[in-house]
Amino acid sequence: MDDVQDKTNQPSASQEGASVEDPYLARFHESRARGLRWAAILQFRPDLADKCDWAKFDGTAWFFLLDRQPGFADRCDWSKLEGGDWAFLLEKHPEFADKCDWSKLEGGDWEQLIPRHPEFADRCDWAKLDGGAWARLLLSRPEFADKCDWSKLGRDDWLLLLSGRDRYFSDDDDDCDGMFAKRPGRPEFADRCDWSKFGSNDWFHILANYPEFADRCDWDAMDDAFWVRLLRDRPEFADRCDPKKLDLTALVLIVLNRPELSEWLQVAEIDWSRLDLAMLQPEAHLSSQEEVLLWSVFGDGFGGAFGYLTQFVEQFPQYAEKCDWKKLADRG
């Protein structure tokens, strides 16, 4: 401890003349302060160590303190640190590895520690990693694939591993950062994947990022929402789509996004009598899937359903006669 105190060049609060109104101790009374509060104090005032009741420290408090003040390691009760505490501490201070009870680390702890310190991999109980932990670990450390129990990976895990995208975040979330940011996928593991696990939304993310997997997709099983989103980003797959199978809402959205596919309006078997109803009254006349398509792609920024119809007619005036303008005027 002498070396820690010497670095501060500040007198100890126990020394003669120390003020009983020390601002740090005034905020956290000694009899009520918990370990984490003391850890916060000692991070910046190590000279107050002799005032601390070290018995109040749990594992998290020790990690919090040692992260900034490793000089207090000689006071640490290492048995209080749990797996998560060890993972965080060893990330920045691998020099404490000889103090670690490795059996306390769970799969998520290993997933966090190994990418930064692969030298600890020989200590890992690989059986503790679940599918999600394996997917996240292999994204950054594919060299440990030979340790993986591939049967543990479910649909969401495979989507994350192959595309680098979490299925709970939309394709419009590219600006997110931190742990939810889009990462490069690992398509080299594709041969180990059970592709039947994936639905239309999953296939959109996969093909948007890795179109080379197109031959593995069951195109006939894809829904309208899939085609609207995929052809917006990957028009080269238009030859895989049968426009006759598309609903009116999906078809018009595709054509608005990709005017070069306007010939589909002539090929498809469209019930044009639904045009004004579908555009103007989505809450009453659209299926839930159609309504999601309508509002997610255009939304209020386009004036809602009215803007949707207006944009279509402006872009393709030859179809204006298909609209029941009387109903449009009545609604206005």
C-alpha atoms as a PDB file:
ATOM      1  CA  MET A   1       0.000   0.000   0.000  1.00  0.00           C
ATOM      2  CA  ASP A   2       2.905   2.377   0.553  1.00  0.00           C
ATOM      3  CA  ASP A   3       3.518   2.591  -3.182  1.00  0.00           C
ATOM      4  CA  VAL A   4      -0.134   3.491  -3.806  1.00  0.00           C
ATOM      5  CA  GLN A   5      -0.165   6.216  -1.192  1.00  0.00           C
ATOM      6  CA  ASP A   6       3.175   7.620  -2.340  1.00  0.00           C
ATOM      7  CA  LYS A   7       1.736   8.209  -5.826  1.00  0.00           C
ATOM      8  CA  THR A   8      -1.004  10.447  -4.492  1.00  0.00           C
ATOM      9  CA  ASN A   9       1.275  12.827  -2.586  1.00  0.00           C
ATOM     10  CA  GLN A  10      -1.704  13.516  -0.352  1.00  0.00           C
ATOM     11  CA  PRO A  11      -1.800  13.197   3.445  1.00  0.00           C
ATOM     12  CA  SER A  12      -3.827  10.376   4.980  1.00  0.00           C
ATOM     13  CA  ALA A  13      -7.130  11.354   6.593  1.00  0.00           C
ATOM     14  CA  SER A  14      -5.925   9.593   9.740  1.00  0.00           C
ATOM     15  CA  GLN A  15      -2.889  11.815  10.038  1.00  0.00           C
ATOM     16  CA  GLU A  16      -2.814  14.637  12.565  1.00  0.00           C
ATOM     17  CA  GLY A  17      -4.709  17.659  11.335  1.00  0.00           C
ATOM     18  CA  ALA A  18      -6.990  15.754   8.907  1.00  0.00           C
ATOM     19  CA  SER A  19     -10.410  17.351   8.676  1.00  0.00           C
ATOM     20  CA  VAL A  20     -13.416  15.394   9.965  1.00  0.00           C
ATOM     21  CA  GLU A  21     -15.445  17.248   7.296  1.00  0.00           C
ATOM     22  CA  ASP A  22     -13.578  15.625   4.411  1.00  0.00           C
ATOM     23  CA  PRO A  23     -15.954  16.106   1.413  1.00  0.00           C
ATOM     24  CA  TYR A  24     -15.628  12.486   0.314  1.00  0.00           C
ATOM     25  CA  LEU A  25     -16.503  11.079   3.723  1.00  0.00           C
ATOM     26  CA  ALA A  26     -19.228  13.673   4.207  1.00  0.00           C
ATOM     27  CA  ARG A  27     -21.139  12.185   1.271  1.00  0.00           C
ATOM     28  CA  PHE A  28     -20.624   8.563   2.244  1.00  0.00           C
ATOM     29  CA  HIS A  29     -20.740   8.106   6.009  1.00  0.00           C
ATOM     30  CA  GLU A  30     -18.427   5.295   7.102  1.00  0.00           C
ATOM     31  CA  SER A  31     -21.129   3.379   8.958  1.00  0.00           C
ATOM     32  CA  ARG A  32     -23.436   3.326   5.890  1.00  0.00           C
ATOM     33  CA  ALA A  33     -21.062   3.121   2.956  1.00  0.00           C
ATOM     34  CA  ARG A  34     -21.188  -0.087   0.972  1.00  0.00           C
ATOM     35  CA  GLY A  35     -18.368  -1.718  -0.914  1.00  0.00           C
ATOM     36  CA  LEU A  36     -19.152  -0.093  -4.248  1.00  0.00           C
ATOM     37  CA  ARG A  37     -19.266   3.348  -2.658  1.00  0.00           C
ATOM     38  CA  TRP A  38     -15.927   2.765  -1.011  1.00  0.00           C
ATOM     39  CA  ALA A  39     -14.527   1.477  -4.296  1.00  0.00           C
ATOM     40  CA  ALA A  40     -15.643   4.704  -5.973  1.00  0.00           C
ATOM     41  CA  ILE A  41     -14.010   6.762  -3.228  1.00  0.00           C
ATOM     42  CA  LEU A  42     -10.730   4.857  -3.263  1.00  0.00           C
ATOM     43  CA  GLN A  43     -10.419   5.063  -7.023  1.00  0.00           C
ATOM     44  CA  PHE A  44      -9.689   8.759  -6.609  1.00  0.00           C
ATOM     45  CA  ARG A  45      -8.667   8.955  -2.951  1.00  0.00           C
ATOM     46  CA  PRO A  46      -6.510   5.922  -2.177  1.00  0.00           C
ATOM     47  CA  ASP A  47      -5.148   7.811   0.824  1.00  0.00           C
ATOM     48  CA  LEU A  48      -8.454   7.049   2.608  1.00  0.00           C
ATOM     49  CA  ALA A  49      -7.802   3.309   2.596  1.00  0.00           C
ATOM     50  CA  ASP A  50      -7.301   3.134   6.357  1.00  0.00           C
ATOM     51  CA  LYS A  51     -10.893   4.388   6.822  1.00  0.00           C
ATOM     52  CA  CYS A  52     -12.361   1.577   4.730  1.00  0.00           C
ATOM     53  CA  ASP A  53     -14.124  -1.523   6.070  1.00  0.00           C
ATOM     54  CA  TRP A  54     -12.827  -4.003   3.496  1.00  0.00           C
ATOM     55  CA  ALA A  55     -15.243  -6.678   4.638  1.00  0.00           C
ATOM     56  CA  LYS A  56     -18.024  -4.747   2.875  1.00  0.00           C
ATOM     57  CA  PHE A  57     -16.491  -5.376  -0.536  1.00  0.00           C
ATOM     58  CA  ASP A  58     -18.123  -7.950  -2.782  1.00  0.00           C
ATOM     59  CA  GLY A  59     -16.652  -9.189  -6.054  1.00  0.00           C
ATOM     60  CA  THR A  60     -18.075  -6.347  -8.131  1.00  0.00           C
ATOM     61  CA  ALA A  61     -16.650  -3.754  -5.768  1.00  0.00           C
ATOM     62  CA  TRP A  62     -13.234  -5.405  -5.985  1.00  0.00           C
ATOM     63  CA  PHE A  63     -13.321  -5.409  -9.785  1.00  0.00           C
ATOM     64  CA  PHE A  64     -14.435  -1.767  -9.773  1.00  0.00           C
ATOM     65  CA  LEU A  65     -11.551  -0.767  -7.511  1.00  0.00           C
ATOM     66  CA  LEU A  66      -8.792  -2.909  -8.998  1.00  0.00           C
ATOM     67  CA  ASP A  67      -9.644  -1.744 -12.497  1.00  0.00           C
ATOM     68  CA  ARG A  68      -8.351   1.725 -11.575  1.00  0.00           C
ATOM     69  CA  GLN A  69      -6.187   0.970  -8.557  1.00  0.00           C
ATOM     70  CA  PRO A  70      -4.506  -2.436  -9.031  1.00  0.00           C
ATOM     71  CA  GLY A  71      -2.164  -1.556  -6.193  1.00  0.00           C
ATOM     72  CA  PHE A  72      -4.869  -2.642  -3.734  1.00  0.00           C
ATOM     73  CA  ALA A  73      -4.606  -6.262  -4.897  1.00  0.00           C
ATOM     74  CA  ASP A  74      -2.803  -7.290  -1.709  1.00  0.00           C
ATOM     75  CA  ARG A  75      -5.970  -6.477   0.268  1.00  0.00           C
ATOM     76  CA  CYS A  76      -8.340  -8.375  -2.030  1.00  0.00           C
ATOM     77  CA  ASP A  77     -10.357 -11.396  -0.932  1.00  0.00           C
ATOM     78  CA  TRP A  78     -10.242 -13.121  -4.317  1.00  0.00           C
ATOM     79  CA  SER A  79     -12.850 -15.682  -3.314  1.00  0.00           C
ATOM     80  CA  LYS A  80     -15.526 -12.966  -3.502  1.00  0.00           C
ATOM     81  CA  LEU A  81     -15.128 -12.457  -7.247  1.00  0.00           C
ATOM     82  CA  GLU A  82     -17.679 -14.243  -9.415  1.00  0.00           C
ATOM     83  CA  GLY A  83     -17.257 -15.228 -13.052  1.00  0.00           C
ATOM     84  CA  GLY A  84     -18.468 -11.925 -14.462  1.00  0.00           C
ATOM     85  CA  ASP A  85     -16.160  -9.983 -12.151  1.00  0.00           C
ATOM     86  CA  TRP A  86     -13.200 -12.066 -13.317  1.00  0.00           C
ATOM     87  CA  ALA A  87     -14.053 -11.614 -16.999  1.00  0.00           C
ATOM     88  CA  PHE A  88     -14.149  -7.828 -16.658  1.00  0.00           C
ATOM     89  CA  LEU A  89     -11.037  -7.667 -14.477  1.00  0.00           C
ATOM     90  CA  LEU A  90      -8.862  -9.964 -16.595  1.00  0.00           C
ATOM     91  CA  GLU A  91      -9.766  -8.097 -19.776  1.00  0.00           C
ATOM     92  CA  LYS A  92      -7.706  -5.151 -18.551  1.00  0.00           C
ATOM     93  CA  HIS A  93      -5.505  -6.837 -15.954  1.00  0.00           C
ATOM     94  CA  PRO A  94      -4.458 -10.287 -17.155  1.00  0.00           C
ATOM     95  CA  GLU A  95      -1.665 -10.199 -14.579  1.00  0.00           C
ATOM     96  CA  PHE A  96      -4.193 -11.384 -11.979  1.00  0.00           C
ATOM     97  CA  ALA A  97      -4.868 -14.641 -13.822  1.00  0.00           C
ATOM     98  CA  ASP A  98      -2.967 -16.685 -11.211  1.00  0.00           C
ATOM     99  CA  LYS A  99      -5.545 -15.568  -8.621  1.00  0.00           C
ATOM    100  CA  CYS A 100      -8.551 -16.681 -10.684  1.00  0.00           C
ATOM    101  CA  ASP A 101     -10.889 -19.558  -9.863  1.00  0.00           C
ATOM    102  CA  TRP A 102     -11.596 -20.470 -13.488  1.00  0.00           C
ATOM    103  CA  SER A 103     -14.489 -22.747 -12.573  1.00  0.00           C
ATOM    104  CA  LYS A 104     -16.576 -19.658 -11.758  1.00  0.00           C
ATOM    105  CA  LEU A 105     -16.594 -18.405 -15.337  1.00  0.00           C
ATOM    106  CA  GLU A 106     -19.744 -19.232 -17.318  1.00  0.00           C
ATOM    107  CA  GLY A 107     -20.208 -19.278 -21.087  1.00  0.00           C
ATOM    108  CA  GLY A 108     -20.954 -15.588 -21.391  1.00  0.00           C
ATOM    109  CA  ASP A 109     -17.865 -14.745 -19.345  1.00  0.00           C
ATOM    110  CA  TRP A 110     -15.642 -16.808 -21.647  1.00  0.00           C
ATOM    111  CA  GLU A 111     -17.272 -15.251 -24.703  1.00  0.00           C
ATOM    112  CA  GLN A 112     -16.237 -11.843 -23.343  1.00  0.00           C
ATOM    113  CA  LEU A 113     -12.727 -12.752 -22.222  1.00  0.00           C
ATOM    114  CA  ILE A 114     -11.332 -14.969 -24.998  1.00  0.00           C
ATOM    115  CA  PRO A 115     -11.590 -12.471 -27.900  1.00  0.00           C
ATOM    116  CA  ARG A 116      -9.242 -10.111 -26.088  1.00  0.00           C
ATOM    117  CA  HIS A 117      -7.114 -12.757 -24.386  1.00  0.00           C
ATOM    118  CA  PRO A 118      -7.054 -15.973 -26.428  1.00  0.00           C
ATOM    119  CA  GLU A 119      -4.146 -17.155 -24.311  1.00  0.00           C
ATOM    120  CA  PHE A 120      -6.678 -18.123 -21.641  1.00  0.00           C
ATOM    121  CA  ALA A 121      -8.562 -20.474 -23.976  1.00  0.00           C
ATOM    122  CA  ASP A 122      -6.852 -23.558 -22.568  1.00  0.00           C
ATOM    123  CA  ARG A 123      -8.578 -22.787 -19.257  1.00  0.00           C
ATOM    124  CA  CYS A 124     -12.052 -22.706 -20.821  1.00  0.00           C
ATOM    125  CA  ASP A 125     -14.757 -25.278 -20.190  1.00  0.00           C
ATOM    126  CA  TRP A 126     -16.199 -25.121 -23.706  1.00  0.00           C
ATOM    127  CA  ALA A 127     -19.309 -27.048 -22.682  1.00  0.00           C
ATOM    128  CA  LYS A 128     -20.518 -23.949 -20.823  1.00  0.00           C
ATOM    129  CA  LEU A 129     -20.967 -21.908 -24.000  1.00  0.00           C
ATOM    130  CA  ASP A 130     -24.502 -21.897 -25.437  1.00  0.00           C
ATOM    131  CA  GLY A 131     -25.376 -21.209 -29.090  1.00  0.00           C
ATOM    132  CA  GLY A 132     -25.467 -17.442 -28.716  1.00  0.00           C
ATOM    133  CA  ALA A 133     -22.115 -17.350 -26.953  1.00  0.00           C
ATOM    134  CA  TRP A 134     -20.577 -19.486 -29.694  1.00  0.00           C
ATOM    135  CA  ALA A 135     -21.967 -17.273 -32.460  1.00  0.00           C
ATOM    136  CA  ARG A 136     -20.593 -14.112 -30.867  1.00  0.00           C
ATOM    137  CA  LEU A 137     -17.240 -15.710 -30.069  1.00  0.00           C
ATOM    138  CA  LEU A 138     -16.723 -17.115 -33.570  1.00  0.00           C
ATOM    139  CA  LEU A 139     -17.523 -13.755 -35.160  1.00  0.00           C
ATOM    140  CA  SER A 140     -14.306 -12.407 -33.679  1.00  0.00           C
ATOM    141  CA  ARG A 141     -12.334 -15.630 -33.114  1.00  0.00           C
ATOM    142  CA  PRO A 142     -13.128 -18.157 -35.872  1.00  0.00           C
ATOM    143  CA  GLU A 143      -9.986 -20.110 -35.010  1.00  0.00           C
ATOM    144  CA  PHE A 144     -11.863 -21.770 -32.138  1.00  0.00           C
ATOM    145  CA  ALA A 145     -14.427 -23.398 -34.442  1.00  0.00           C
ATOM    146  CA  ASP A 146     -12.960 -26.841 -33.757  1.00  0.00           C
ATOM    147  CA  LYS A 147     -14.109 -26.489 -30.132  1.00  0.00           C
ATOM    148  CA  CYS A 148     -17.719 -25.678 -31.068  1.00  0.00           C
ATOM    149  CA  ASP A 149     -20.707 -27.946 -30.484  1.00  0.00           C
ATOM    150  CA  TRP A 150     -22.610 -26.860 -33.578  1.00  0.00           C
ATOM    151  CA  SER A 151     -25.810 -28.540 -32.428  1.00  0.00           C
ATOM    152  CA  LYS A 152     -26.235 -25.769 -29.862  1.00  0.00           C
ATOM    153  CA  LEU A 153     -26.710 -23.056 -32.462  1.00  0.00           C
ATOM    154  CA  GLY A 154     -30.342 -22.168 -33.121  1.00  0.00           C
ATOM    155  CA  ARG A 155     -31.880 -20.031 -35.840  1.00  0.00           C
ATOM    156  CA  ASP A 156     -30.998 -16.688 -34.267  1.00  0.00           C
ATOM    157  CA  ASP A 157     -27.460 -17.833 -33.553  1.00  0.00           C
ATOM    158  CA  TRP A 158     -26.897 -18.919 -37.154  1.00  0.00           C
ATOM    159  CA  LEU A 159     -28.330 -15.679 -38.482  1.00  0.00           C
ATOM    160  CA  LEU A 160     -25.931 -13.721 -36.297  1.00  0.00           C
ATOM    161  CA  LEU A 161     -22.939 -15.883 -37.224  1.00  0.00           C
ATOM    162  CA  LEU A 162     -23.521 -15.928 -40.980  1.00  0.00           C
ATOM    163  CA  SER A 163     -24.712 -12.364 -41.526  1.00  0.00           C
ATOM    164  CA  GLY A 164     -23.358 -10.503 -38.493  1.00  0.00           C
ATOM    165  CA  ARG A 165     -26.876  -9.221 -37.862  1.00  0.00           C
ATOM    166  CA  ASP A 166     -29.099  -9.702 -34.838  1.00  0.00           C
ATOM    167  CA  ARG A 167     -32.594 -10.608 -36.081  1.00  0.00           C
ATOM    168  CA  TYR A 168     -34.212  -8.299 -33.480  1.00  0.00           C
ATOM    169  CA  PHE A 169     -32.802  -5.220 -35.188  1.00  0.00           C
ATOM    170  CA  SER A 170     -34.218  -4.023 -38.486  1.00  0.00           C
ATOM    171  CA  ASP A 171     -32.331  -3.312 -41.662  1.00  0.00           C
ATOM    172  CA  ASP A 172     -32.609   0.398 -40.823  1.00  0.00           C
ATOM    173  CA  ASP A 173     -30.495   0.067 -37.671  1.00  0.00           C
ATOM    174  CA  ASP A 174     -27.102   0.392 -39.363  1.00  0.00           C
ATOM    175  CA  ASP A 175     -26.293   3.482 -37.322  1.00  0.00           C
ATOM    176  CA  CYS A 176     -26.437   1.637 -34.009  1.00  0.00           C
ATOM    177  CA  ASP A 177     -23.165   1.167 -32.188  1.00  0.00           C
ATOM    178  CA  GLY A 178     -21.570  -0.861 -29.427  1.00  0.00           C
ATOM    179  CA  MET A 179     -22.664  -4.452 -28.922  1.00  0.00           C
ATOM    180  CA  PHE A 180     -25.611  -4.089 -31.321  1.00  0.00           C
ATOM    181  CA  ALA A 181     -23.655  -2.771 -34.276  1.00  0.00           C
ATOM    182  CA  LYS A 182     -23.693  -4.713 -37.506  1.00  0.00           C
ATOM    183  CA  ARG A 183     -20.555  -6.846 -37.783  1.00  0.00           C
ATOM    184  CA  PRO A 184     -19.008  -8.819 -40.650  1.00  0.00           C
ATOM    185  CA  GLY A 185     -20.467 -12.303 -40.754  1.00  0.00           C
ATOM    186  CA  ARG A 186     -18.687 -15.636 -41.097  1.00  0.00           C
ATOM    187  CA  PRO A 187     -20.052 -17.224 -44.286  1.00  0.00           C
ATOM    188  CA  GLU A 188     -17.237 -19.777 -44.206  1.00  0.00           C
ATOM    189  CA  PHE A 189     -19.299 -21.774 -41.704  1.00  0.00           C
ATOM    190  CA  ALA A 190     -22.298 -22.061 -44.048  1.00  0.00           C
ATOM    191  CA  ASP A 191     -21.809 -25.779 -44.729  1.00  0.00           C
ATOM    192  CA  ARG A 192     -22.506 -26.523 -41.062  1.00  0.00           C
ATOM    193  CA  CYS A 193     -25.838 -24.673 -41.055  1.00  0.00           C
ATOM    194  CA  ASP A 194     -29.341 -26.160 -41.095  1.00  0.00           C
ATOM    195  CA  TRP A 195     -30.896 -23.709 -43.549  1.00  0.00           C
ATOM    196  CA  SER A 196     -34.420 -24.935 -42.888  1.00  0.00           C
ATOM    197  CA  LYS A 197     -34.332 -22.963 -39.629  1.00  0.00           C
ATOM    198  CA  PHE A 198     -34.668 -19.617 -41.422  1.00  0.00           C
ATOM    199  CA  GLY A 199     -37.841 -17.672 -42.227  1.00  0.00           C
ATOM    200  CA  SER A 200     -38.421 -14.852 -44.703  1.00  0.00           C
ATOM    201  CA  ASN A 201     -37.081 -12.086 -42.447  1.00  0.00           C
ATOM    202  CA  ASP A 202     -33.909 -14.080 -41.782  1.00  0.00           C
ATOM    203  CA  TRP A 203     -33.385 -14.728 -45.478  1.00  0.00           C
ATOM    204  CA  PHE A 204     -33.670 -11.031 -46.239  1.00  0.00           C
ATOM    205  CA  HIS A 205     -30.744 -10.245 -43.933  1.00  0.00           C
ATOM    206  CA  ILE A 206     -28.700 -13.150 -45.249  1.00  0.00           C
ATOM    207  CA  LEU A 207     -29.190 -12.395 -48.953  1.00  0.00           C
ATOM    208  CA  ALA A 208     -28.838  -8.638 -48.489  1.00  0.00           C
ATOM    209  CA  ASN A 209     -25.353  -9.291 -47.115  1.00  0.00           C
ATOM    210  CA  TYR A 210     -24.351 -12.515 -48.841  1.00  0.00           C
ATOM    211  CA  PRO A 211     -26.184 -13.015 -52.138  1.00  0.00           C
ATOM    212  CA  GLU A 212     -23.978 -16.018 -52.873  1.00  0.00           C
ATOM    213  CA  PHE A 213     -26.269 -18.060 -50.602  1.00  0.00           C
ATOM    214  CA  ALA A 214     -29.185 -17.632 -53.021  1.00  0.00           C
ATOM    215  CA  ASP A 215     -29.109 -21.271 -54.121  1.00  0.00           C
ATOM    216  CA  ARG A 216     -29.843 -22.342 -50.534  1.00  0.00           C
ATOM    217  CA  CYS A 217     -33.043 -20.281 -50.275  1.00  0.00           C
ATOM    218  CA  ASP A 218     -36.515 -21.793 -50.678  1.00  0.00           C
ATOM    219  CA  TRP A 219     -37.836 -18.968 -52.827  1.00  0.00           C
ATOM    220  CA  ASP A 220     -41.403 -20.300 -52.987  1.00  0.00           C
ATOM    221  CA  ALA A 221     -41.689 -19.995 -49.184  1.00  0.00           C
ATOM    222  CA  MET A 222     -40.837 -16.294 -49.079  1.00  0.00           C
ATOM    223  CA  ASP A 223     -43.614 -13.850 -48.172  1.00  0.00           C
ATOM    224  CA  ASP A 224     -44.541 -10.468 -49.664  1.00  0.00           C
ATOM    225  CA  ALA A 225     -42.612  -8.470 -47.062  1.00  0.00           C
ATOM    226  CA  PHE A 226     -39.469 -10.366 -48.018  1.00  0.00           C
ATOM    227  CA  TRP A 227     -39.836  -9.457 -51.696  1.00  0.00           C
ATOM    228  CA  VAL A 228     -40.495  -5.778 -51.031  1.00  0.00           C
ATOM    229  CA  ARG A 229     -37.388  -5.435 -48.878  1.00  0.00           C
ATOM    230  CA  LEU A 230     -35.095  -7.698 -50.917  1.00  0.00           C
ATOM    231  CA  LEU A 231     -35.855  -6.203 -54.317  1.00  0.00           C
ATOM    232  CA  ARG A 232     -35.389  -2.708 -52.892  1.00  0.00           C
ATOM    233  CA  ASP A 233     -31.774  -3.626 -52.035  1.00  0.00           C
ATOM    234  CA  ARG A 234     -31.083  -6.525 -54.407  1.00  0.00           C
ATOM    235  CA  PRO A 235     -33.010  -6.014 -57.668  1.00  0.00           C
ATOM    236  CA  GLU A 236     -30.877  -8.704 -59.321  1.00  0.00           C
ATOM    237  CA  PHE A 237     -33.152 -11.287 -57.688  1.00  0.00           C
ATOM    238  CA  ALA A 238     -36.248 -10.077 -59.540  1.00  0.00           C
ATOM    239  CA  ASP A 239     -36.142 -13.134 -61.800  1.00  0.00           C
ATOM    240  CA  ARG A 240     -36.729 -15.303 -58.719  1.00  0.00           C
ATOM    241  CA  CYS A 241     -40.064 -13.616 -57.979  1.00  0.00           C
ATOM    242  CA  ASP A 242     -43.437 -14.423 -59.553  1.00  0.00           C
ATOM    243  CA  PRO A 243     -45.365 -11.109 -59.643  1.00  0.00           C
ATOM    244  CA  LYS A 244     -48.630 -12.998 -60.094  1.00  0.00           C
ATOM    245  CA  LYS A 245     -48.298 -14.293 -56.532  1.00  0.00           C
ATOM    246  CA  LEU A 246     -47.821 -10.873 -54.977  1.00  0.00           C
ATOM    247  CA  ASP A 247     -50.545  -8.978 -53.188  1.00  0.00           C
ATOM    248  CA  LEU A 248     -51.515  -5.581 -54.569  1.00  0.00           C
ATOM    249  CA  THR A 249     -49.803  -3.670 -51.760  1.00  0.00           C
ATOM    250  CA  ALA A 250     -46.515  -5.551 -52.114  1.00  0.00           C
ATOM    251  CA  LEU A 251     -46.574  -5.259 -55.909  1.00  0.00           C
ATOM    252  CA  VAL A 252     -47.099  -1.501 -55.913  1.00  0.00           C
ATOM    253  CA  LEU A 253     -44.436  -0.977 -53.258  1.00  0.00           C
ATOM    254  CA  ILE A 254     -41.945  -2.964 -55.303  1.00  0.00           C
ATOM    255  CA  VAL A 255     -42.697  -0.935 -58.417  1.00  0.00           C
ATOM    256  CA  LEU A 256     -42.410   2.338 -56.531  1.00  0.00           C
ATOM    257  CA  ASN A 257     -38.998   1.260 -55.254  1.00  0.00           C
ATOM    258  CA  ARG A 258     -37.963  -0.221 -58.607  1.00  0.00           C
ATOM    259  CA  PRO A 259     -39.675   1.571 -61.530  1.00  0.00           C
ATOM    260  CA  GLU A 260     -37.789  -0.666 -63.929  1.00  0.00           C
ATOM    261  CA  LEU A 261     -40.135  -3.458 -62.838  1.00  0.00           C
ATOM    262  CA  SER A 262     -43.264  -1.516 -63.821  1.00  0.00           C
ATOM    263  CA  GLU A 263     -44.060  -4.152 -66.446  1.00  0.00           C
ATOM    264  CA  TRP A 264     -45.107  -6.367 -63.541  1.00  0.00           C
ATOM    265  CA  LEU A 265     -48.237  -4.212 -63.269  1.00  0.00           C
ATOM    266  CA  GLN A 266     -49.267  -5.543 -66.663  1.00  0.00           C
ATOM    267  CA  VAL A 267     -48.284  -9.142 -66.046  1.00  0.00           C
ATOM    268  CA  ALA A 268     -49.774  -9.568 -62.573  1.00  0.00           C
ATOM    269  CA  GLU A 269     -53.412 -10.446 -62.078  1.00  0.00           C
ATOM    270  CA  ILE A 270     -54.419  -7.346 -60.132  1.00  0.00           C
ATOM    271  CA  ASP A 271     -57.796  -6.579 -58.672  1.00  0.00           C
ATOM    272  CA  TRP A 272     -57.646  -2.857 -59.370  1.00  0.00           C
ATOM    273  CA  SER A 273     -60.962  -2.281 -57.622  1.00  0.00           C
ATOM    274  CA  ARG A 274     -59.026  -2.539 -54.360  1.00  0.00           C
ATOM    275  CA  LEU A 275     -56.540   0.157 -55.257  1.00  0.00           C
ATOM    276  CA  ASP A 276     -58.218   3.120 -53.596  1.00  0.00           C
ATOM    277  CA  LEU A 277     -59.388   1.052 -50.620  1.00  0.00           C
ATOM    278  CA  ALA A 278     -55.997  -0.477 -50.026  1.00  0.00           C
ATOM    279  CA  MET A 279     -54.282   2.871 -50.206  1.00  0.00           C
ATOM    280  CA  LEU A 280     -56.787   5.007 -48.330  1.00  0.00           C
ATOM    281  CA  GLN A 281     -58.102   2.721 -45.602  1.00  0.00           C
ATOM    282  CA  PRO A 282     -55.329   0.337 -44.597  1.00  0.00           C
ATOM    283  CA  GLU A 283     -56.688  -0.201 -41.107  1.00  0.00           C
ATOM    284  CA  ALA A 284     -59.907  -1.684 -42.520  1.00  0.00           C
ATOM    285  CA  HIS A 285     -58.901  -3.316 -45.792  1.00  0.00           C
ATOM    286  CA  LEU A 286     -55.309  -4.500 -45.474  1.00  0.00           C
ATOM    287  CA  SER A 287     -54.064  -7.621 -43.816  1.00  0.00           C
ATOM    288  CA  SER A 288     -51.689  -7.080 -40.914  1.00  0.00           C
ATOM    289  CA  GLN A 289     -48.740  -7.878 -43.177  1.00  0.00           C
ATOM    290  CA  GLU A 290     -49.878  -5.366 -45.788  1.00  0.00           C
ATOM    291  CA  GLU A 291     -50.337  -2.698 -43.164  1.00  0.00           C
ATOM    292  CA  VAL A 292     -46.810  -3.249 -41.867  1.00  0.00           C
ATOM    293  CA  LEU A 293     -45.505  -2.942 -45.415  1.00  0.00           C
ATOM    294  CA  LEU A 294     -47.432   0.245 -46.026  1.00  0.00           C
ATOM    295  CA  TRP A 295     -46.452   2.142 -42.897  1.00  0.00           C
ATOM    296  CA  SER A 296     -42.916   0.812 -42.455  1.00  0.00           C
ATOM    297  CA  VAL A 297     -41.847   1.748 -45.971  1.00  0.00           C
ATOM    298  CA  PHE A 298     -43.683   5.070 -46.322  1.00  0.00           C
ATOM    299  CA  GLY A 299     -45.102   6.071 -42.943  1.00  0.00           C
ATOM    300  CA  ASP A 300     -46.142   9.548 -41.909  1.00  0.00           C
ATOM    301  CA  GLY A 301     -43.286  11.159 -43.790  1.00  0.00           C
ATOM    302  CA  PHE A 302     -45.083  10.394 -47.032  1.00  0.00           C
ATOM    303  CA  GLY A 303     -48.453  11.585 -45.795  1.00  0.00           C
ATOM    304  CA  GLY A 304     -49.453   8.080 -44.788  1.00  0.00           C
ATOM    305  CA  ALA A 305     -51.814   6.124 -47.034  1.00  0.00           C
ATOM    306  CA  PHE A 306     -52.890   9.182 -49.005  1.00  0.00           C
ATOM    307  CA  GLY A 307     -49.286   9.957 -49.924  1.00  0.00           C
ATOM    308  CA  TYR A 308     -48.778   6.354 -50.892  1.00  0.00           C
ATOM    309  CA  LEU A 309     -51.576   6.473 -53.471  1.00  0.00           C
ATOM    310  CA  THR A 310     -50.587   9.948 -54.674  1.00  0.00           C
ATOM    311  CA  GLN A 311     -46.991   8.930 -55.224  1.00  0.00           C
ATOM    312  CA  PHE A 312     -48.049   5.884 -57.196  1.00  0.00           C
ATOM    313  CA  VAL A 313     -50.429   7.788 -59.475  1.00  0.00           C
ATOM    314  CA  GLU A 314     -47.885  10.584 -60.034  1.00  0.00           C
ATOM    315  CA  GLN A 315     -45.190   8.105 -60.962  1.00  0.00           C
ATOM    316  CA  PHE A 316     -47.470   5.951 -63.095  1.00  0.00           C
ATOM    317  CA  PRO A 317     -50.234   8.230 -64.434  1.00  0.00           C
ATOM    318  CA  GLN A 318     -51.337   5.575 -66.902  1.00  0.00           C
ATOM    319  CA  TYR A 319     -52.961   3.784 -63.987  1.00  0.00           C
ATOM    320  CA  ALA A 320     -54.875   6.824 -62.704  1.00  0.00           C
ATOM    321  CA  GLU A 321     -58.035   5.575 -64.369  1.00  0.00           C
ATOM    322  CA  LYS A 322     -57.881   2.497 -62.146  1.00  0.00           C
ATOM    323  CA  CYS A 323     -58.547   4.612 -59.049  1.00  0.00           C
ATOM    324  CA  ASP A 324     -62.025   5.364 -57.762  1.00  0.00           C
ATOM    325  CA  TRP A 325     -61.478   9.114 -57.412  1.00  0.00           C
ATOM    326  CA  LYS A 326     -64.958   9.665 -55.996  1.00  0.00           C
ATOM    327  CA  LYS A 327     -64.001   7.710 -52.895  1.00  0.00           C
ATOM    328  CA  LEU A 328     -60.796   9.703 -52.703  1.00  0.00           C
ATOM    329  CA  ALA A 329     -62.760  12.970 -52.794  1.00  0.00           C
ATOM    330  CA  ASP A 330     -65.265  11.701 -50.218  1.00  0.00           C
ATOM    331  CA  ARG A 331     -62.453  10.799 -47.819  1.00  0.00           C
ATOM    332  CA  GLY A 332     -60.798  14.194 -48.280  1.00  0.00           C
END
